[in-house]
PDB file of N, CA and C in Angstrom:
ATOM      1  N   ALA A   1      86.159 105.843  64.529  1.00  0.00           N
ATOM      2  CA  ALA A   1      87.256 106.693  64.983  1.00  0.00           C
ATOM      3  C   ALA A   1      86.741 107.657  66.033  1.00  0.00           C
ATOM      4  N   LEU A   2      87.637 108.149  66.843  1.00  0.00           N
ATOM      5  CA  LEU A   2      87.273 109.049  67.923  1.00  0.00           C
ATOM      6  C   LEU A   2      86.703 110.359  67.408  1.00  0.00           C
ATOM      7  N   GLU A   3      87.006 110.706  66.178  1.00  0.00           N
ATOM      8  CA  GLU A   3      86.547 111.977  65.632  1.00  0.00           C
ATOM      9  C   GLU A   3      85.215 111.868  64.903  1.00  0.00           C
ATOM     10  N   ASP A   4      84.578 110.703  64.892  1.00  0.00           N
ATOM     11  CA  ASP A   4      83.264 110.569  64.270  1.00  0.00           C
ATOM     12  C   ASP A   4      82.280 111.502  64.953  1.00  0.00           C
ATOM     13  N   ALA A   5      81.289 111.974  64.198  1.00  0.00           N
ATOM     14  CA  ALA A   5      80.292 112.895  64.750  1.00  0.00           C
ATOM     15  C   ALA A   5      79.567 112.284  65.940  1.00  0.00           C
ATOM     16  N   SER A   6      79.402 110.965  65.950  1.00  0.00           N
ATOM     17  CA  SER A   6      78.700 110.313  67.061  1.00  0.00           C
ATOM     18  C   SER A   6      79.507 110.360  68.350  1.00  0.00           C
ATOM     19  N   ASP A   7      80.798 110.634  68.246  1.00  0.00           N
ATOM     20  CA  ASP A   7      81.654 110.683  69.424  1.00  0.00           C
ATOM     21  C   ASP A   7      81.816 112.094  69.980  1.00  0.00           C
ATOM     22  N   VAL A   8      81.207 113.081  69.334  1.00  0.00           N
ATOM     23  CA  VAL A   8      81.358 114.468  69.766  1.00  0.00           C
ATOM     24  C   VAL A   8      80.014 114.975  70.262  1.00  0.00           C
ATOM     25  N   ARG A   9      79.981 115.410  71.504  1.00  0.00           N
ATOM     26  CA  ARG A   9      78.758 115.954  72.091  1.00  0.00           C
ATOM     27  C   ARG A   9      79.091 117.250  72.793  1.00  0.00           C
ATOM     28  N   GLY A  10      78.442 118.297  72.399  1.00  0.00           N
ATOM     29  CA  GLY A  10      78.639 119.582  73.060  1.00  0.00           C
ATOM     30  C   GLY A  10      80.061 120.094  72.979  1.00  0.00           C
ATOM     31  N   GLY A  11      80.785 119.760  71.927  1.00  0.00           N
ATOM     32  CA  GLY A  11      82.150 120.230  71.788  1.00  0.00           C
ATOM     33  C   GLY A  11      83.183 119.351  72.470  1.00  0.00           C
ATOM     34  N   PHE A  12      82.741 118.321  73.189  1.00  0.00           N
ATOM     35  CA  PHE A  12      83.664 117.424  73.872  1.00  0.00           C
ATOM     36  C   PHE A  12      83.747 116.109  73.115  1.00  0.00           C
ATOM     37  N   VAL A  13      84.916 115.527  73.070  1.00  0.00           N
ATOM     38  CA  VAL A  13      85.095 114.226  72.435  1.00  0.00           C
ATOM     39  C   VAL A  13      84.960 113.165  73.510  1.00  0.00           C
ATOM     40  N   ASN A  14      84.066 112.221  73.290  1.00  0.00           N
ATOM     41  CA  ASN A  14      83.846 111.147  74.252  1.00  0.00           C
ATOM     42  C   ASN A  14      84.709 109.945  73.896  1.00  0.00           C
ATOM     43  N   PRO A  15      85.247 109.265  74.890  1.00  0.00           N
ATOM     44  CA  PRO A  15      86.061 108.088  74.610  1.00  0.00           C
ATOM     45  C   PRO A  15      85.193 106.978  74.016  1.00  0.00           C
ATOM     46  N   PRO A  16      85.785 106.101  73.214  1.00  0.00           N
ATOM     47  CA  PRO A  16      85.006 105.053  72.557  1.00  0.00           C
ATOM     48  C   PRO A  16      84.341 104.081  73.531  1.00  0.00           C
ATOM     49  N   ASP A  17      84.871 103.923  74.737  1.00  0.00           N
ATOM     50  CA  ASP A  17      84.267 102.984  75.688  1.00  0.00           C
ATOM     51  C   ASP A  17      83.176 103.629  76.537  1.00  0.00           C
ATOM     52  N   GLU A  18      82.857 104.901  76.277  1.00  0.00           N
ATOM     53  CA  GLU A  18      81.783 105.637  76.952  1.00  0.00           C
ATOM     54  C   GLU A  18      82.021 105.831  78.451  1.00  0.00           C
ATOM     55  N   VAL A  19      83.236 105.644  78.919  1.00  0.00           N
ATOM     56  CA  VAL A  19      83.559 105.898  80.317  1.00  0.00           C
ATOM     57  C   VAL A  19      84.064 107.329  80.424  1.00  0.00           C
ATOM     58  N   LEU A  20      83.414 108.123  81.248  1.00  0.00           N
ATOM     59  CA  LEU A  20      83.820 109.514  81.429  1.00  0.00           C
ATOM     60  C   LEU A  20      84.921 109.576  82.481  1.00  0.00           C
ATOM     61  N   ARG A  21      86.084 109.980  82.062  1.00  0.00           N
ATOM     62  CA  ARG A  21      87.215 110.095  82.982  1.00  0.00           C
ATOM     63  C   ARG A  21      87.426 111.566  83.291  1.00  0.00           C
ATOM     64  N   LEU A  22      87.306 111.913  84.562  1.00  0.00           N
ATOM     65  CA  LEU A  22      87.424 113.305  84.969  1.00  0.00           C
ATOM     66  C   LEU A  22      88.860 113.713  85.227  1.00  0.00           C
ATOM     67  N   GLY A  23      89.699 112.787  85.614  1.00  0.00           N
ATOM     68  CA  GLY A  23      91.081 113.094  85.942  1.00  0.00           C
ATOM     69  C   GLY A  23      91.570 112.162  87.032  1.00  0.00           C
ATOM     70  N   ASP A  24      92.677 112.515  87.622  1.00  0.00           N
ATOM     71  CA  ASP A  24      93.295 111.691  88.656  1.00  0.00           C
ATOM     72  C   ASP A  24      93.334 112.443  89.975  1.00  0.00           C
ATOM     73  N   VAL A  25      93.274 111.694  91.050  1.00  0.00           N
ATOM     74  CA  VAL A  25      93.523 112.232  92.384  1.00  0.00           C
ATOM     75  C   VAL A  25      94.790 111.544  92.877  1.00  0.00           C
ATOM     76  N   VAL A  26      95.804 112.335  93.153  1.00  0.00           N
ATOM     77  CA  VAL A  26      97.094 111.799  93.589  1.00  0.00           C
ATOM     78  C   VAL A  26      97.400 112.367  94.964  1.00  0.00           C
ATOM     79  N   LEU A  27      97.733 111.496  95.900  1.00  0.00           N
ATOM     80  CA  LEU A  27      98.093 111.925  97.249  1.00  0.00           C
ATOM     81  C   LEU A  27      99.576 111.661  97.487  1.00  0.00           C
ATOM     82  N   CYS A  28     100.230 112.606  98.111  1.00  0.00           N
ATOM     83  CA  CYS A  28     101.631 112.466  98.498  1.00  0.00           C
ATOM     84  C   CYS A  28     101.653 111.877  99.910  1.00  0.00           C
ATOM     85  N   TRP A  29     102.110 110.630 100.028  1.00  0.00           N
ATOM     86  CA  TRP A  29     102.031 109.931 101.309  1.00  0.00           C
ATOM     87  C   TRP A  29     102.732 110.679 102.452  1.00  0.00           C
ATOM     88  N   PRO A  30     103.955 111.183 102.281  1.00  0.00           N
ATOM     89  CA  PRO A  30     104.575 111.930 103.383  1.00  0.00           C
ATOM     90  C   PRO A  30     103.736 113.149 103.799  1.00  0.00           C
ATOM     91  N   GLU A  31     103.116 113.810 102.834  1.00  0.00           N
ATOM     92  CA  GLU A  31     102.259 114.960 103.148  1.00  0.00           C
ATOM     93  C   GLU A  31     101.007 114.515 103.897  1.00  0.00           C
ATOM     94  N   VAL A  32     100.431 113.387 103.505  1.00  0.00           N
ATOM     95  CA  VAL A  32      99.264 112.843 104.204  1.00  0.00           C
ATOM     96  C   VAL A  32      99.615 112.576 105.664  1.00  0.00           C
ATOM     97  N   LEU A  33     100.760 111.949 105.894  1.00  0.00           N
ATOM     98  CA  LEU A  33     101.181 111.653 107.269  1.00  0.00           C
ATOM     99  C   LEU A  33     101.390 112.928 108.074  1.00  0.00           C
ATOM    100  N   GLN A  34     102.017 113.918 107.455  1.00  0.00           N
ATOM    101  CA  GLN A  34     102.272 115.187 108.138  1.00  0.00           C
ATOM    102  C   GLN A  34     100.959 115.909 108.466  1.00  0.00           C
ATOM    103  N   LEU A  35     100.046 115.963 107.523  1.00  0.00           N
ATOM    104  CA  LEU A  35      98.761 116.629 107.753  1.00  0.00           C
ATOM    105  C   LEU A  35      97.948 115.917 108.828  1.00  0.00           C
ATOM    106  N   ALA A  36      97.946 114.585 108.802  1.00  0.00           N
ATOM    107  CA  ALA A  36      97.207 113.822 109.809  1.00  0.00           C
ATOM    108  C   ALA A  36      97.754 114.107 111.202  1.00  0.00           C
ATOM    109  N   ALA A  37      99.072 114.153 111.325  1.00  0.00           N
ATOM    110  CA  ALA A  37      99.687 114.453 112.622  1.00  0.00           C
ATOM    111  C   ALA A  37      99.361 115.876 113.059  1.00  0.00           C
ATOM    112  N   LYS A  38      99.450 116.815 112.135  1.00  0.00           N
ATOM    113  CA  LYS A  38      99.174 118.224 112.440  1.00  0.00           C
ATOM    114  C   LYS A  38      97.727 118.429 112.883  1.00  0.00           C
ATOM    115  N   GLU A  39      96.798 117.751 112.212  1.00  0.00           N
ATOM    116  CA  GLU A  39      95.373 117.892 112.521  1.00  0.00           C
ATOM    117  C   GLU A  39      94.926 116.944 113.637  1.00  0.00           C
ATOM    118  N   ASP A  40      95.829 116.083 114.083  1.00  0.00           N
ATOM    119  CA  ASP A  40      95.545 115.095 115.124  1.00  0.00           C
ATOM    120  C   ASP A  40      94.355 114.208 114.743  1.00  0.00           C
ATOM    121  N   VAL A  41      94.421 113.667 113.520  1.00  0.00           N
ATOM    122  CA  VAL A  41      93.382 112.764 113.032  1.00  0.00           C
ATOM    123  C   VAL A  41      94.039 111.472 112.559  1.00  0.00           C
ATOM    124  N   LEU A  42      93.240 110.431 112.403  1.00  0.00           N
ATOM    125  CA  LEU A  42      93.752 109.173 111.873  1.00  0.00           C
ATOM    126  C   LEU A  42      94.200 109.364 110.428  1.00  0.00           C
ATOM    127  N   VAL A  43      95.247 108.658 110.041  1.00  0.00           N
ATOM    128  CA  VAL A  43      95.740 108.737 108.666  1.00  0.00           C
ATOM    129  C   VAL A  43      94.627 108.331 107.691  1.00  0.00           C
ATOM    130  N   ASP A  44      93.868 107.294 108.034  1.00  0.00           N
ATOM    131  CA  ASP A  44      92.757 106.871 107.169  1.00  0.00           C
ATOM    132  C   ASP A  44      91.764 108.007 106.946  1.00  0.00           C
ATOM    133  N   ASP A  45      91.467 108.755 107.999  1.00  0.00           N
ATOM    134  CA  ASP A  45      90.525 109.869 107.879  1.00  0.00           C
ATOM    135  C   ASP A  45      91.090 110.977 106.994  1.00  0.00           C
ATOM    136  N   GLU A  46      92.386 111.220 107.099  1.00  0.00           N
ATOM    137  CA  GLU A  46      93.011 112.249 106.259  1.00  0.00           C
ATOM    138  C   GLU A  46      93.013 111.809 104.794  1.00  0.00           C
ATOM    139  N   VAL A  47      93.277 110.531 104.536  1.00  0.00           N
ATOM    140  CA  VAL A  47      93.218 110.008 103.169  1.00  0.00           C
ATOM    141  C   VAL A  47      91.808 110.181 102.614  1.00  0.00           C
ATOM    142  N   TYR A  48      90.802 109.838 103.409  1.00  0.00           N
ATOM    143  CA  TYR A  48      89.414 109.993 102.966  1.00  0.00           C
ATOM    144  C   TYR A  48      89.117 111.455 102.652  1.00  0.00           C
ATOM    145  N   PHE A  49      89.484 112.359 103.557  1.00  0.00           N
ATOM    146  CA  PHE A  49      89.218 113.786 103.362  1.00  0.00           C
ATOM    147  C   PHE A  49      89.886 114.311 102.095  1.00  0.00           C
ATOM    148  N   LEU A  50      91.173 114.011 101.923  1.00  0.00           N
ATOM    149  CA  LEU A  50      91.908 114.519 100.766  1.00  0.00           C
ATOM    150  C   LEU A  50      91.396 113.921  99.453  1.00  0.00           C
ATOM    151  N   THR A  51      91.016 112.658  99.477  1.00  0.00           N
ATOM    152  CA  THR A  51      90.465 112.030  98.277  1.00  0.00           C
ATOM    153  C   THR A  51      89.136 112.675  97.904  1.00  0.00           C
ATOM    154  N   ALA A  52      88.256 112.855  98.879  1.00  0.00           N
ATOM    155  CA  ALA A  52      86.967 113.506  98.622  1.00  0.00           C
ATOM    156  C   ALA A  52      87.177 114.933  98.134  1.00  0.00           C
ATOM    157  N   HIS A  53      88.127 115.631  98.722  1.00  0.00           N
ATOM    158  CA  HIS A  53      88.444 117.004  98.324  1.00  0.00           C
ATOM    159  C   HIS A  53      88.912 117.040  96.865  1.00  0.00           C
ATOM    160  N   GLY A  54      89.772 116.100  96.495  1.00  0.00           N
ATOM    161  CA  GLY A  54      90.248 116.030  95.115  1.00  0.00           C
ATOM    162  C   GLY A  54      89.132 115.722  94.132  1.00  0.00           C
ATOM    163  N   VAL A  55      88.240 114.814  94.500  1.00  0.00           N
ATOM    164  CA  VAL A  55      87.104 114.486  93.638  1.00  0.00           C
ATOM    165  C   VAL A  55      86.196 115.703  93.483  1.00  0.00           C
ATOM    166  N   ASP A  56      85.981 116.449  94.567  1.00  0.00           N
ATOM    167  CA  ASP A  56      85.185 117.683  94.472  1.00  0.00           C
ATOM    168  C   ASP A  56      85.773 118.621  93.424  1.00  0.00           C
ATOM    169  N   HIS A  57      87.087 118.752  93.407  1.00  0.00           N
ATOM    170  CA  HIS A  57      87.735 119.611  92.410  1.00  0.00           C
ATOM    171  C   HIS A  57      87.528 119.066  90.996  1.00  0.00           C
ATOM    172  N   LEU A  58      87.620 117.753  90.829  1.00  0.00           N
ATOM    173  CA  LEU A  58      87.392 117.166  89.511  1.00  0.00           C
ATOM    174  C   LEU A  58      85.965 117.412  89.032  1.00  0.00           C
ATOM    175  N   LEU A  59      85.039 117.521  89.977  1.00  0.00           N
ATOM    176  CA  LEU A  59      83.640 117.768  89.634  1.00  0.00           C
ATOM    177  C   LEU A  59      83.338 119.251  89.452  1.00  0.00           C
ATOM    178  N   GLY A  60      84.356 120.100  89.636  1.00  0.00           N
ATOM    179  CA  GLY A  60      84.180 121.522  89.351  1.00  0.00           C
ATOM    180  C   GLY A  60      84.041 122.421  90.552  1.00  0.00           C
ATOM    181  N   GLU A  61      84.104 121.879  91.746  1.00  0.00           N
ATOM    182  CA  GLU A  61      84.003 122.709  92.954  1.00  0.00           C
ATOM    183  C   GLU A  61      85.386 123.262  93.290  1.00  0.00           C
ATOM    184  N   HIS A  62      85.476 124.566  93.379  1.00  0.00           N
ATOM    185  CA  HIS A  62      86.758 125.202  93.672  1.00  0.00           C
ATOM    186  C   HIS A  62      86.591 126.182  94.827  1.00  0.00           C
ATOM    187  N   HIS A  63      87.685 126.559  95.419  1.00  0.00           N
ATOM    188  CA  HIS A  63      87.647 127.444  96.578  1.00  0.00           C
ATOM    189  C   HIS A  63      88.845 128.372  96.543  1.00  0.00           C
ATOM    190  N   GLU A  64      88.766 129.408  97.329  1.00  0.00           N
ATOM    191  CA  GLU A  64      89.890 130.337  97.511  1.00  0.00           C
ATOM    192  C   GLU A  64      90.522 130.011  98.852  1.00  0.00           C
ATOM    193  N   TRP A  65      91.845 129.958  98.917  1.00  0.00           N
ATOM    194  CA  TRP A  65      92.516 129.667 100.196  1.00  0.00           C
ATOM    195  C   TRP A  65      93.008 130.920 100.810  1.00  0.00           C
TER     196      TRP A  65
END
């Protein structure tokens, strides 16, 4: 069971498949298009930037805007 002592480390419950899931990164496509146009960059580059930015947040990096 998920509540077995072997599944709890440091106060966190680990999933039975041992895959650490940090969360989701979700992009709003209309916003991506708008930001790419505003910044005058390729849509692919904006997707890459926003995805990396979201992953940074999942890893604990935060900033003040």
